[in-house]
Protein backbone atom coordinates (compact mmCIF):
# COMPACT_ATOMS: atom_id res chain seq x y z
CA MET A 1 -26.69 -7.81 -108.29
CA GLU A 2 -25.59 -11.59 -105.83
CA ASP A 3 -22.16 -11.81 -105.38
CA LEU A 4 -20.69 -14.78 -107.30
CA TYR A 5 -18.86 -17.11 -104.98
CA LEU A 6 -15.82 -19.79 -106.53
CA LEU A 7 -16.58 -23.27 -105.09
CA THR A 8 -13.62 -24.85 -104.92
CA ASN A 9 -13.78 -26.62 -101.53
CA ILE A 10 -17.08 -28.48 -100.93
CA GLY A 11 -17.56 -28.08 -97.67
CA GLY A 12 -14.66 -25.56 -96.92
CA ASP A 13 -14.32 -22.05 -95.62
CA LEU A 14 -16.14 -19.90 -98.00
CA THR A 15 -14.72 -16.58 -95.97
CA GLN A 16 -11.45 -16.24 -97.86
CA PHE A 17 -13.08 -15.41 -101.58
CA GLY A 18 -15.67 -12.96 -99.78
CA GLY A 19 -18.40 -14.29 -98.86
CA PRO A 20 -19.92 -15.63 -95.94
CA ARG A 21 -18.97 -19.25 -93.79
CA MET A 22 -21.48 -21.95 -94.87
CA PRO A 23 -23.26 -22.70 -91.93
CA GLY A 24 -23.93 -26.20 -90.24
CA ALA A 25 -21.14 -28.11 -91.53
CA ILE A 26 -20.98 -31.86 -90.85
CA THR A 27 -17.42 -33.52 -90.82
CA GLY A 28 -17.55 -36.45 -93.02
CA PHE A 29 -21.34 -36.61 -94.93
CA HIS A 30 -22.97 -34.04 -96.30
CA THR A 31 -26.83 -34.87 -96.07
CA ALA A 32 -28.10 -32.32 -98.45
CA ASP A 33 -31.23 -30.08 -98.31
CA ALA A 34 -33.98 -29.76 -100.95
CA GLY A 35 -32.97 -27.46 -103.38
CA SER A 36 -30.16 -26.64 -101.02
CA GLY A 37 -26.69 -27.25 -103.53
CA ASP A 38 -25.50 -28.71 -100.46
CA VAL A 39 -22.72 -31.74 -102.06
CA THR A 40 -20.89 -34.67 -100.58
CA GLY A 41 -17.35 -33.58 -101.14
CA GLU A 42 -15.09 -36.20 -102.95
CA THR A 43 -13.11 -36.12 -99.71
CA ASP A 44 -15.92 -37.51 -97.32
CA LEU A 45 -16.98 -40.18 -100.31
CA ASP A 46 -13.55 -41.62 -100.21
CA LEU A 47 -13.91 -41.74 -95.91
CA ALA A 48 -17.27 -43.73 -96.23
CA ILE A 49 -17.41 -45.63 -99.45
CA PRO A 50 -15.02 -49.19 -98.54
CA GLU A 51 -17.12 -49.42 -95.48
CA LEU A 52 -20.10 -48.82 -96.44
CA TRP A 53 -20.62 -50.57 -100.02
CA ALA A 54 -18.75 -53.42 -98.50
CA SER A 55 -20.92 -54.26 -95.57
CA ALA A 56 -23.96 -53.69 -97.76
CA ILE A 57 -22.69 -56.18 -100.62
CA PHE A 58 -21.49 -58.98 -98.09
CA GLY A 59 -25.01 -58.84 -96.81
CA TYR A 60 -26.35 -59.72 -100.19
CA PHE A 61 -23.54 -62.01 -101.07
CA GLU A 62 -23.86 -64.19 -97.89
CA ALA A 63 -27.85 -64.15 -98.68
CA LYS A 64 -28.05 -65.24 -101.97
CA LEU A 65 -25.25 -68.14 -101.72
CA VAL A 66 -26.83 -71.46 -102.66
CA LEU A 67 -24.70 -73.91 -102.53
CA ARG A 68 -21.74 -72.59 -100.04
CA GLY A 69 -23.23 -74.57 -97.24
CA ILE A 70 -22.81 -78.05 -98.97
CA CYS A 71 -19.17 -77.22 -99.17
CA ASP A 72 -16.58 -77.88 -96.38
CA ASP A 73 -15.08 -74.32 -95.74
CA TYR A 74 -11.28 -74.18 -95.63
CA SER A 75 -11.65 -70.31 -96.01
CA ALA A 76 -9.90 -69.95 -91.90
CA LEU A 77 -6.76 -71.05 -93.52
CA VAL A 78 -5.94 -68.60 -96.00
CA LYS A 79 -6.93 -65.38 -94.27
CA GLY A 80 -4.69 -62.79 -95.71
CA LYS A 81 -2.06 -65.12 -96.99
CA GLY A 82 -0.88 -68.18 -98.85
CA ASP A 83 -2.36 -69.63 -101.87
CA THR A 84 -2.49 -73.06 -101.70
CA ILE A 85 -4.04 -75.84 -99.24
CA ASN A 86 -2.61 -79.33 -98.27
CA ILE A 87 -5.41 -81.45 -97.15
CA PRO A 88 -5.12 -84.93 -96.47
CA GLU A 89 -7.20 -87.63 -97.52
CA ILE A 90 -7.84 -90.73 -95.75
CA PRO A 91 -8.40 -94.06 -97.68
CA GLU A 92 -11.25 -96.33 -96.38
CA VAL A 93 -8.95 -97.91 -93.92
CA THR A 94 -8.20 -101.69 -94.75
CA GLY A 95 -6.60 -104.90 -93.59
CA GLN A 96 -8.74 -106.30 -90.16
CA THR A 97 -7.03 -109.90 -89.33
CA ASP A 98 -7.47 -112.77 -87.21
CA LYS A 99 -5.05 -112.72 -84.45
CA ALA A 100 -3.67 -115.96 -84.55
CA GLU A 101 -2.04 -117.13 -80.74
CA GLY A 102 1.14 -116.48 -80.30
CA ALA A 103 0.71 -114.53 -83.36
CA ALA A 104 2.42 -110.76 -84.24
CA VAL A 105 -0.09 -108.15 -84.68
CA LEU A 106 0.43 -107.39 -88.73
CA TYR A 107 0.28 -103.24 -88.94
CA GLY A 108 -0.55 -101.90 -92.00
CA ASP A 109 0.03 -98.46 -93.96
CA GLU A 110 -2.35 -96.48 -95.82
CA THR A 111 -1.65 -93.58 -97.98
CA LEU A 112 -2.87 -90.14 -97.67
CA VAL A 113 -3.82 -88.82 -100.57
CA ASP A 114 -2.64 -85.32 -100.45
CA THR A 115 -5.66 -82.68 -102.68
CA ASN A 116 -3.99 -79.13 -103.25
CA ILE A 117 -6.88 -76.23 -103.48
CA LEU A 118 -5.67 -73.52 -105.44
CA ILE A 119 -6.73 -69.83 -104.56
CA ASN A 120 -6.60 -69.10 -108.05
CA LYS A 121 -10.16 -67.73 -108.72
CA HIS A 122 -10.22 -63.40 -107.92
CA LYS A 123 -13.65 -62.30 -109.42
CA TYR A 124 -14.89 -58.68 -109.31
CA VAL A 125 -17.37 -56.23 -109.91
CA ALA A 126 -17.07 -52.45 -111.11
CA LYS A 127 -19.24 -50.24 -110.86
CA MET A 128 -18.89 -46.21 -111.38
CA PHE A 129 -21.71 -43.50 -110.15
CA GLU A 130 -21.49 -39.78 -111.23
CA ASP A 131 -23.59 -38.81 -108.43
CA LEU A 132 -22.62 -41.47 -105.58
CA GLY A 133 -23.22 -39.27 -103.19
CA VAL A 134 -27.41 -39.13 -104.35
CA ILE A 135 -27.21 -42.83 -104.69
CA GLN A 136 -26.11 -43.52 -101.01
CA ALA A 137 -28.51 -41.06 -99.41
CA ASN A 138 -31.15 -42.69 -101.04
CA GLU A 139 -31.46 -45.96 -99.14
CA PRO A 140 -33.98 -48.04 -102.08
CA LEU A 141 -31.32 -46.67 -104.83
CA PHE A 142 -27.78 -47.98 -102.81
CA ALA A 143 -29.36 -51.64 -101.87
CA LYS A 144 -29.99 -52.08 -105.21
CA TYR A 145 -26.92 -51.39 -106.17
CA ALA A 146 -25.32 -52.86 -103.35
CA GLN A 147 -27.59 -56.63 -103.58
CA ALA A 148 -26.96 -56.42 -107.72
CA MET A 149 -23.18 -55.98 -106.93
CA GLY A 150 -23.77 -58.92 -104.82
CA TYR A 151 -25.29 -61.21 -106.02
CA GLN A 152 -23.23 -60.89 -109.25
CA LEU A 153 -20.30 -62.36 -107.22
CA ALA A 154 -21.98 -64.94 -105.21
CA LYS A 155 -23.33 -66.83 -108.84
CA GLN A 156 -19.93 -66.85 -110.01
CA ILE A 157 -18.72 -68.25 -106.56
CA ASP A 158 -22.08 -70.44 -107.18
CA THR A 159 -21.00 -71.20 -110.90
CA ASP A 160 -17.58 -72.57 -109.84
CA ILE A 161 -18.98 -75.19 -106.77
CA LEU A 162 -21.45 -77.05 -110.15
CA ALA A 163 -18.26 -76.95 -112.51
CA GLN A 164 -16.69 -79.61 -109.97
CA LEU A 165 -20.16 -81.29 -108.69
CA ASP A 166 -20.71 -82.15 -113.30
CA ASP A 167 -16.77 -83.92 -112.62
CA LEU A 168 -18.10 -86.13 -109.77
CA GLY A 169 -17.94 -89.52 -111.31
CA THR A 170 -20.44 -91.39 -110.68
CA THR A 171 -23.56 -90.98 -113.04
CA GLN A 172 -27.04 -92.13 -113.64
CA THR A 173 -29.77 -91.81 -116.17
CA LEU A 174 -32.95 -90.38 -115.50
CA ALA A 175 -35.78 -92.13 -117.09
CA ALA A 176 -37.02 -88.86 -118.71
CA ASP A 177 -35.86 -85.24 -119.30
CA ASN A 178 -36.13 -82.92 -116.34
CA ALA A 179 -38.09 -85.64 -114.27
CA ILE A 180 -37.12 -87.30 -110.69
CA SER A 181 -39.06 -90.16 -110.38
CA LEU A 182 -39.67 -92.39 -107.21
CA SER A 183 -37.44 -95.51 -109.38
CA ASP A 184 -35.22 -92.65 -109.72
CA ALA A 185 -34.48 -92.01 -106.64
CA GLU A 186 -34.45 -95.05 -104.77
CA THR A 187 -31.53 -96.00 -107.19
CA VAL A 188 -29.90 -92.73 -105.69
CA VAL A 189 -30.26 -93.86 -102.37
CA SER A 190 -29.11 -97.80 -103.43
CA THR A 191 -26.44 -96.27 -105.19
CA LEU A 192 -25.41 -93.89 -102.21
CA LEU A 193 -25.67 -96.68 -99.46
CA ASP A 194 -23.67 -99.07 -101.95
CA ASN A 195 -20.40 -96.91 -101.64
CA ASN A 196 -21.29 -95.84 -97.32
CA LEU A 197 -22.36 -93.00 -97.81
CA ASP A 198 -24.75 -92.16 -94.80
CA VAL A 199 -27.98 -90.63 -96.43
CA ASP A 200 -28.94 -87.90 -93.65
CA ASP A 201 -25.34 -86.10 -94.84
CA CYS A 202 -26.41 -85.61 -98.73
CA VAL A 203 -28.57 -83.40 -100.47
CA TRP A 204 -30.46 -83.25 -103.61
CA ILE A 205 -29.33 -80.16 -105.84
CA VAL A 206 -31.82 -79.82 -108.51
CA ASN A 207 -32.82 -77.47 -111.60
CA SER A 208 -36.03 -75.36 -111.74
CA LYS A 209 -38.09 -78.18 -113.93
CA ILE A 210 -37.45 -80.53 -111.63
CA TYR A 211 -38.25 -78.53 -107.95
CA ALA A 212 -41.22 -77.16 -109.82
CA ASP A 213 -42.71 -81.40 -110.54
CA TRP A 214 -41.81 -82.28 -107.35
CA LEU A 215 -43.40 -78.73 -106.31
CA ALA A 216 -46.74 -80.09 -107.99
CA GLN A 217 -46.92 -83.43 -106.72
CA GLY A 218 -46.38 -82.65 -103.29
CA VAL A 219 -49.75 -79.92 -103.62
CA ILE A 220 -51.77 -82.73 -105.80
CA LYS A 221 -50.52 -85.68 -102.74
CA ASN A 222 -52.30 -83.33 -100.26
CA ALA A 223 -55.40 -82.75 -101.41
CA TYR A 224 -55.66 -86.88 -100.48
CA GLY A 225 -59.12 -86.54 -97.97
CA VAL A 226 -60.86 -84.19 -100.13
CA PRO A 227 -64.47 -85.55 -100.38
CA GLN A 228 -66.24 -86.60 -103.71
CA ASN A 229 -68.58 -84.85 -105.47
CA TYR A 230 -71.98 -85.02 -103.46
CA ALA A 231 -74.12 -85.60 -106.34
CA THR A 232 -71.96 -88.67 -107.38
CA SER A 233 -71.13 -89.80 -104.13
CA SER A 234 -73.25 -92.31 -101.94
CA THR A 235 -71.46 -91.41 -99.25
CA VAL A 236 -69.62 -88.03 -97.31
CA THR A 237 -66.65 -90.59 -96.35
CA ASN A 238 -65.80 -91.03 -99.85
CA THR A 239 -62.69 -89.91 -101.03
CA GLN A 240 -60.75 -88.89 -104.16
CA THR A 241 -57.94 -91.05 -105.03
CA LEU A 242 -55.14 -88.85 -105.94
CA GLY A 243 -51.34 -89.17 -107.11
CA GLY A 244 -48.58 -87.42 -105.95
CA ILE A 245 -45.54 -87.70 -103.28
CA ASP A 246 -45.87 -87.16 -100.11
CA PHE A 247 -43.14 -84.91 -98.86
CA GLY A 248 -44.16 -83.97 -95.44
CA GLY A 249 -46.84 -80.90 -95.71
CA ALA A 250 -44.83 -78.63 -96.48
CA THR A 251 -45.18 -78.23 -100.56
CA ILE A 252 -49.09 -76.74 -99.39
CA GLY A 253 -46.45 -73.36 -98.98
CA GLY A 254 -44.50 -73.39 -101.05
CA VAL A 255 -41.65 -75.70 -101.14
CA VAL A 256 -40.10 -78.92 -100.98
CA PRO A 257 -37.68 -79.52 -98.09
CA SER A 258 -36.98 -82.95 -98.49
CA PHE A 259 -36.97 -85.83 -100.92
CA PHE A 260 -36.15 -89.60 -99.08
CA GLY A 261 -34.72 -87.55 -95.58
CA MET A 262 -32.31 -85.75 -98.00
CA PRO A 263 -32.23 -81.41 -97.88
CA VAL A 264 -33.65 -80.01 -101.32
CA LEU A 265 -31.71 -76.73 -102.79
CA THR A 266 -32.22 -76.00 -106.36
CA SER A 267 -30.80 -73.40 -108.22
CA SER A 268 -31.59 -71.50 -111.63
CA LEU A 269 -27.20 -72.10 -112.37
CA LEU A 270 -28.75 -75.57 -113.09
CA GLY A 271 -29.83 -75.99 -116.47
CA SER A 272 -32.96 -78.00 -117.94
CA ALA A 273 -31.78 -78.68 -121.16
CA THR A 274 -33.54 -81.57 -122.57
CA GLY A 275 -30.11 -82.69 -124.37
CA THR A 276 -29.23 -86.82 -124.09
CA GLY A 277 -26.30 -86.94 -121.16
CA ASN A 278 -27.30 -82.96 -119.79
CA GLU A 279 -26.58 -82.42 -115.95
CA VAL A 280 -29.84 -81.51 -114.11
CA ALA A 281 -29.48 -82.75 -110.41
CA TYR A 282 -26.83 -84.30 -108.11
CA CYS A 283 -27.38 -85.87 -104.96
CA ILE A 284 -24.27 -85.85 -102.96
CA LYS A 285 -22.23 -85.67 -99.57
CA ARG A 286 -21.82 -82.65 -97.88
CA GLY A 287 -18.14 -81.41 -98.11
CA ALA A 288 -18.15 -83.41 -101.51
CA VAL A 289 -16.47 -80.00 -103.07
CA ALA A 290 -14.13 -77.89 -100.99
CA LEU A 291 -14.16 -74.42 -100.45
CA ALA A 292 -11.63 -71.34 -99.30
CA VAL A 293 -12.37 -67.48 -99.94
CA GLN A 294 -8.75 -65.54 -98.91
CA ASN A 295 -10.91 -62.28 -98.10
CA GLU A 296 -14.83 -62.17 -98.32
CA ILE A 297 -15.70 -58.68 -100.01
CA ARG A 298 -13.39 -56.28 -100.47
CA VAL A 299 -14.37 -52.89 -101.35
CA GLN A 300 -11.90 -49.97 -102.97
CA SER A 301 -12.72 -46.80 -104.13
CA GLU A 302 -11.86 -44.27 -106.40
CA TYR A 303 -12.27 -40.63 -107.52
CA SER A 304 -11.73 -39.86 -111.37
CA VAL A 305 -11.23 -36.31 -112.64
CA ASP A 306 -11.00 -37.97 -115.91
CA TYR A 307 -15.44 -38.71 -115.91
CA LEU A 308 -15.93 -36.98 -112.34
CA ALA A 309 -17.27 -39.65 -110.96
CA THR A 310 -16.32 -42.45 -108.17
CA LYS A 311 -15.62 -45.70 -108.92
CA VAL A 312 -16.03 -48.82 -107.19
CA VAL A 313 -14.84 -51.80 -106.98
CA ALA A 314 -15.90 -54.93 -105.00
CA ASP A 315 -13.61 -58.48 -105.75
CA VAL A 316 -13.29 -61.73 -103.80
CA ILE A 317 -10.84 -64.18 -103.97
CA TYR A 318 -10.97 -67.97 -103.34
CA GLY A 319 -10.87 -71.85 -104.90
CA THR A 320 -13.21 -75.31 -105.33
CA LEU A 321 -12.28 -78.33 -105.28
CA LYS A 322 -14.07 -81.68 -105.80
CA MET A 323 -13.06 -84.48 -102.67
CA THR A 324 -14.09 -86.90 -104.87
CA THR A 325 -10.02 -88.75 -104.57
CA ASN A 326 -10.43 -92.69 -104.60
CA LYS A 327 -14.12 -92.47 -103.52
CA VAL A 328 -17.37 -91.54 -104.59
CA MET A 329 -19.35 -88.44 -102.67
CA GLY A 330 -22.01 -88.11 -105.11
CA ILE A 331 -24.03 -88.89 -108.02
CA GLU A 332 -24.31 -86.72 -111.71
CA LEU A 333 -28.13 -87.48 -112.84
CA LEU A 334 -28.71 -87.52 -116.59
CA ASN A 335 -30.95 -86.83 -119.39
CA PRO A 336 -31.78 -89.85 -120.99
């Protein structure tokens, strides 16, 4: 009858129980051979979990953040400390005056507006894994878990940025639900210019229906020059006359690069309900929202004896704020 050995320390010394020392012991991770029964120990996982998971989750977190790029990022000012950032907003300088001969120069006194970004949002994603060693050894499975956790944190930050855009204060009602026509866009550009906003520094953020509509119109526009049916056309040069919007030809590849010279972003977080007054798109100046992330992604782990499982928590601390005090920074586009 084969001897039975009590296993109290995975990867440790079994000779104290009368058995042979386990061959080929590896410090840190113990990768299991098929059918060997080797298991990654609690101590080994504690050393590897935070670094391994933090790197993977942060990668997916960065990839899934759609709206961070349109924000002024003050993260460097709160790394590791502080809960408030004071940002002085400089108003438009006024009071230019003709200089009269012999008269003293008059000095204006501009009052700065102190805007405070509160680092008051703490979001986390927590999972508990009974077979964490197996998950980490399976690269596709590990990637799926890391992607899911990173996406949830990125989604929450984008949601909070959109919440700030919902209160820009300058609105325009569209002619039809979930559609921005050329006429609508002309009014948007006119409003931007009237408020001294440079369209080269502005960006569209639209819901999925508006984006799909623009995409379809771009594809139609790119069909210009298609010959008429030879059976009904007297000359080969006759072409069909189709409608649509010219987005520079790139829509054939499945993207809308820009509209009226401004880049186009789309997010599934922006609703497409048809109710009157619902925000379905924005056209904003970059920096209309300020963002400060105190710690990008922090991952912590702990082994639970109660559940015989490893608990993994990823969290992020940040704050958002619209920068629209005494000035227009963009337009909310509403359903009629």
